[in-house]
Amino acid sequence: MRVPVIDNGGQWTHREYRVLRDLGVESVILPNTTPRQDLAADGVVLSGGALSLEGSEDPLGVVGSYLEDPTLPVLAICLGHEYLGRHFGGRVARSTSPEFGRVALTVDRPDHPLFEGIPREIHVWASHNDEVSELPRDFERLAHSSGCAVEAMAHRRRPVFGVQFHPEVEHTEHGVRIFENFLKSCHR
């Protein structure tokens, strides 16, 4: 299985790559300007990054072309999650309660495949000023925290998932399990 990490300038992009490699997945880190036809991927992970999307319609490299492919599973993290939300018609805004460090997360949909085998209450690691403030029309909320209403979301019909927090860092409980659950959608 080949799942590249698309680098959006995130501080933990290499950690996302490492988790995938440790799970036995063939992975590389690619710039977000890599054309879709050059990915040869069974799925992609969209990294976080320091860029703010608040009030912007600027593209994030060519990430939009990956999201338009209805067959490509996507796990979008932090900035990737925010871009995912905006791309599909949601809204991104400055958070009223920016989150940095340990955050208590409530899983709203423990029956969802992304959170299979994960308790309803876990602690995750977050690092964001912006957030998805309005869900895109075809998405459902999977998790929230006291400071962020949309900590995780998923497309209702496609294998496209977003998480505001960082499952790749060791401080996130069950983070590796979230990657494992995502990888199940990459088997075709």
Protein backbone atom coordinates (compact mmCIF):
# COMPACT_ATOMS: atom_id res chain seq x y z
CA MET A 1 0.00 0.00 0.00
CA ARG A 2 1.32 3.47 -0.91
CA VAL A 3 0.15 6.49 1.12
CA PRO A 4 2.23 9.65 0.67
CA VAL A 5 2.19 12.53 3.11
CA ILE A 6 1.45 15.82 1.40
CA ASP A 7 3.58 18.51 3.02
CA ASN A 8 1.70 21.72 3.78
CA GLY A 9 4.52 23.07 5.94
CA GLY A 10 3.55 21.26 9.13
CA GLN A 11 5.90 20.91 12.07
CA TRP A 12 5.10 17.19 12.42
CA THR A 13 4.99 16.14 8.76
CA HIS A 14 7.96 13.82 9.31
CA ARG A 15 6.15 12.25 12.25
CA GLU A 16 3.13 11.45 10.04
CA TYR A 17 5.51 9.78 7.56
CA ARG A 18 7.15 7.84 10.40
CA VAL A 19 3.84 6.52 11.75
CA LEU A 20 2.90 5.28 8.28
CA ARG A 21 6.30 3.62 7.78
CA ASP A 22 6.10 2.00 11.23
CA LEU A 23 2.72 0.56 10.18
CA GLY A 24 4.37 -1.04 7.14
CA VAL A 25 3.02 1.42 4.59
CA GLU A 26 5.10 2.62 1.66
CA SER A 27 5.22 6.37 2.13
CA VAL A 28 7.09 9.45 0.96
CA ILE A 29 6.77 13.14 1.79
CA LEU A 30 5.71 15.14 -1.26
CA PRO A 31 5.20 18.88 -1.73
CA ASN A 32 1.59 20.07 -2.02
CA THR A 33 2.36 21.08 -5.61
CA THR A 34 2.72 17.45 -6.76
CA PRO A 35 0.28 16.83 -9.64
CA ARG A 36 -2.46 14.31 -8.84
CA GLN A 37 -1.39 12.03 -11.70
CA ASP A 38 2.11 11.76 -10.13
CA LEU A 39 0.88 10.46 -6.76
CA ALA A 40 0.36 6.75 -7.63
CA ALA A 41 -1.33 6.50 -4.23
CA ASP A 42 -3.85 4.28 -2.45
CA GLY A 43 -4.62 7.24 -0.17
CA VAL A 44 -3.00 10.46 1.07
CA VAL A 45 -2.37 12.19 4.36
CA LEU A 46 -2.59 15.99 4.20
CA SER A 47 -0.23 17.46 6.78
CA GLY A 48 -0.81 20.43 8.98
CA GLY A 49 0.94 23.76 8.54
CA ALA A 50 1.31 27.24 9.95
CA LEU A 51 -0.69 29.00 7.23
CA SER A 52 -3.95 30.67 8.27
CA LEU A 53 -6.92 30.12 5.94
CA GLU A 54 -9.16 32.55 7.81
CA GLY A 55 -10.69 34.96 5.32
CA SER A 56 -8.68 33.46 2.46
CA GLU A 57 -9.68 31.69 -0.71
CA ASP A 58 -6.07 30.97 -1.68
CA PRO A 59 -5.35 27.43 -2.89
CA LEU A 60 -3.13 25.10 -0.88
CA GLY A 61 -0.81 23.99 -3.66
CA VAL A 62 -2.85 21.58 -5.79
CA VAL A 63 -4.48 19.85 -2.81
CA GLY A 64 -7.91 20.68 -4.24
CA SER A 65 -7.26 18.29 -7.15
CA TYR A 66 -6.69 15.42 -4.69
CA LEU A 67 -9.96 16.21 -2.97
CA GLU A 68 -11.83 16.18 -6.28
CA ASP A 69 -10.80 12.57 -6.95
CA PRO A 70 -13.79 10.54 -5.68
CA THR A 71 -11.72 7.36 -5.36
CA LEU A 72 -8.82 8.75 -3.28
CA PRO A 73 -9.03 8.20 0.50
CA VAL A 74 -7.81 11.27 2.42
CA LEU A 75 -6.83 11.86 6.04
CA ALA A 76 -6.46 15.61 6.54
CA ILE A 77 -4.71 16.85 9.69
CA CYS A 78 -4.91 20.34 11.26
CA LEU A 79 -4.40 22.81 8.37
CA GLY A 80 -5.28 19.97 5.98
CA HIS A 81 -8.54 19.49 7.95
CA GLU A 82 -9.31 23.20 7.69
CA TYR A 83 -8.60 23.23 3.95
CA LEU A 84 -10.76 20.13 3.52
CA GLY A 85 -13.63 21.91 5.27
CA ARG A 86 -13.28 25.07 3.20
CA HIS A 87 -12.85 23.17 -0.08
CA PHE A 88 -16.16 21.37 0.37
CA GLY A 89 -18.09 24.53 1.26
CA GLY A 90 -17.61 24.80 5.02
CA ARG A 91 -16.22 27.80 6.82
CA VAL A 92 -12.86 28.35 8.53
CA ALA A 93 -12.51 31.06 11.17
CA ARG A 94 -10.20 32.16 13.93
CA SER A 95 -10.87 30.00 16.97
CA THR A 96 -12.37 31.73 20.00
CA SER A 97 -10.36 29.25 22.10
CA PRO A 98 -7.11 28.36 20.30
CA GLU A 99 -5.77 24.99 21.44
CA PHE A 100 -2.13 24.25 22.12
CA GLY A 101 -1.06 21.10 23.93
CA ARG A 102 -3.22 18.51 25.66
CA VAL A 103 -6.94 18.64 24.88
CA ALA A 104 -9.81 16.47 26.15
CA LEU A 105 -11.65 15.10 23.11
CA THR A 106 -15.17 13.67 23.02
CA VAL A 107 -15.86 11.19 20.25
CA ASP A 108 -19.42 11.87 19.06
CA ARG A 109 -19.51 8.92 16.65
CA PRO A 110 -17.70 5.98 18.30
CA ASP A 111 -19.44 3.76 15.75
CA HIS A 112 -17.69 5.53 12.84
CA PRO A 113 -14.88 3.51 11.18
CA LEU A 114 -12.29 6.26 11.89
CA PHE A 115 -12.87 5.89 15.64
CA GLU A 116 -13.40 2.13 15.75
CA GLY A 117 -11.96 0.70 18.98
CA ILE A 118 -11.34 4.12 20.52
CA PRO A 119 -12.97 5.25 23.79
CA ARG A 120 -15.49 8.11 23.78
CA GLU A 121 -13.17 10.29 25.87
CA ILE A 122 -9.48 10.59 24.99
CA HIS A 123 -6.71 13.16 25.27
CA VAL A 124 -5.17 14.49 22.07
CA TRP A 125 -2.45 16.96 21.15
CA ALA A 126 -3.55 20.13 19.38
CA SER A 127 -1.83 23.18 17.90
CA HIS A 128 -4.17 25.56 16.09
CA ASN A 129 -5.48 29.12 15.97
CA ASP A 130 -8.08 28.50 13.24
CA GLU A 131 -10.80 25.87 13.04
CA VAL A 132 -13.66 24.61 10.90
CA SER A 133 -16.45 26.82 12.22
CA GLU A 134 -19.15 25.49 9.88
CA LEU A 135 -19.27 21.92 8.58
CA PRO A 136 -19.41 21.37 4.83
CA ARG A 137 -22.81 20.15 3.65
CA ASP A 138 -21.83 16.52 2.92
CA PHE A 139 -19.87 16.03 6.15
CA GLU A 140 -20.71 14.86 9.64
CA ARG A 141 -19.02 15.77 12.90
CA LEU A 142 -17.19 12.86 14.53
CA ALA A 143 -15.62 14.53 17.59
CA HIS A 144 -15.40 17.81 19.50
CA SER A 145 -13.65 19.41 22.47
CA SER A 146 -14.68 22.19 24.82
CA GLY A 147 -12.75 24.67 22.67
CA CYS A 148 -13.41 23.30 19.17
CA ALA A 149 -16.79 22.15 17.84
CA VAL A 150 -15.32 20.18 14.92
CA GLU A 151 -12.27 18.23 16.10
CA ALA A 152 -13.00 15.50 13.55
CA MET A 153 -15.30 15.14 10.55
CA ALA A 154 -15.96 12.75 7.69
CA HIS A 155 -17.59 12.89 4.29
CA ARG A 156 -20.89 11.00 4.36
CA ARG A 157 -20.22 8.95 1.21
CA ARG A 158 -16.49 9.10 0.47
CA PRO A 159 -13.43 7.95 2.46
CA VAL A 160 -12.43 11.54 3.28
CA PHE A 161 -11.67 12.40 6.91
CA GLY A 162 -10.39 15.46 8.75
CA VAL A 163 -8.98 15.86 12.26
CA GLN A 164 -8.09 19.18 13.84
CA PHE A 165 -5.75 17.53 16.36
CA HIS A 166 -2.51 15.63 15.71
CA PRO A 167 -2.89 11.82 15.80
CA GLU A 168 0.75 11.42 14.75
CA VAL A 169 2.28 12.67 18.00
CA GLU A 170 2.81 10.28 20.88
CA HIS A 171 0.86 12.50 23.29
CA THR A 172 -2.36 11.71 21.39
CA GLU A 173 -4.03 8.69 22.91
CA HIS A 174 -4.97 6.08 20.30
CA GLY A 175 -3.41 8.19 17.53
CA VAL A 176 -1.81 5.19 15.84
CA ARG A 177 -5.20 3.44 15.93
CA ILE A 178 -6.71 6.40 14.04
CA PHE A 179 -4.05 5.92 11.33
CA GLU A 180 -4.75 2.17 11.26
CA ASN A 181 -8.48 2.84 10.89
CA PHE A 182 -7.83 5.29 8.05
CA LEU A 183 -5.61 2.76 6.27
CA LYS A 184 -8.52 0.29 6.15
CA SER A 185 -10.21 2.69 3.71
CA CYS A 186 -7.11 2.61 1.48
CA HIS A 187 -7.42 -1.11 0.68
CA ARG A 188 -9.05 -1.43 -2.70
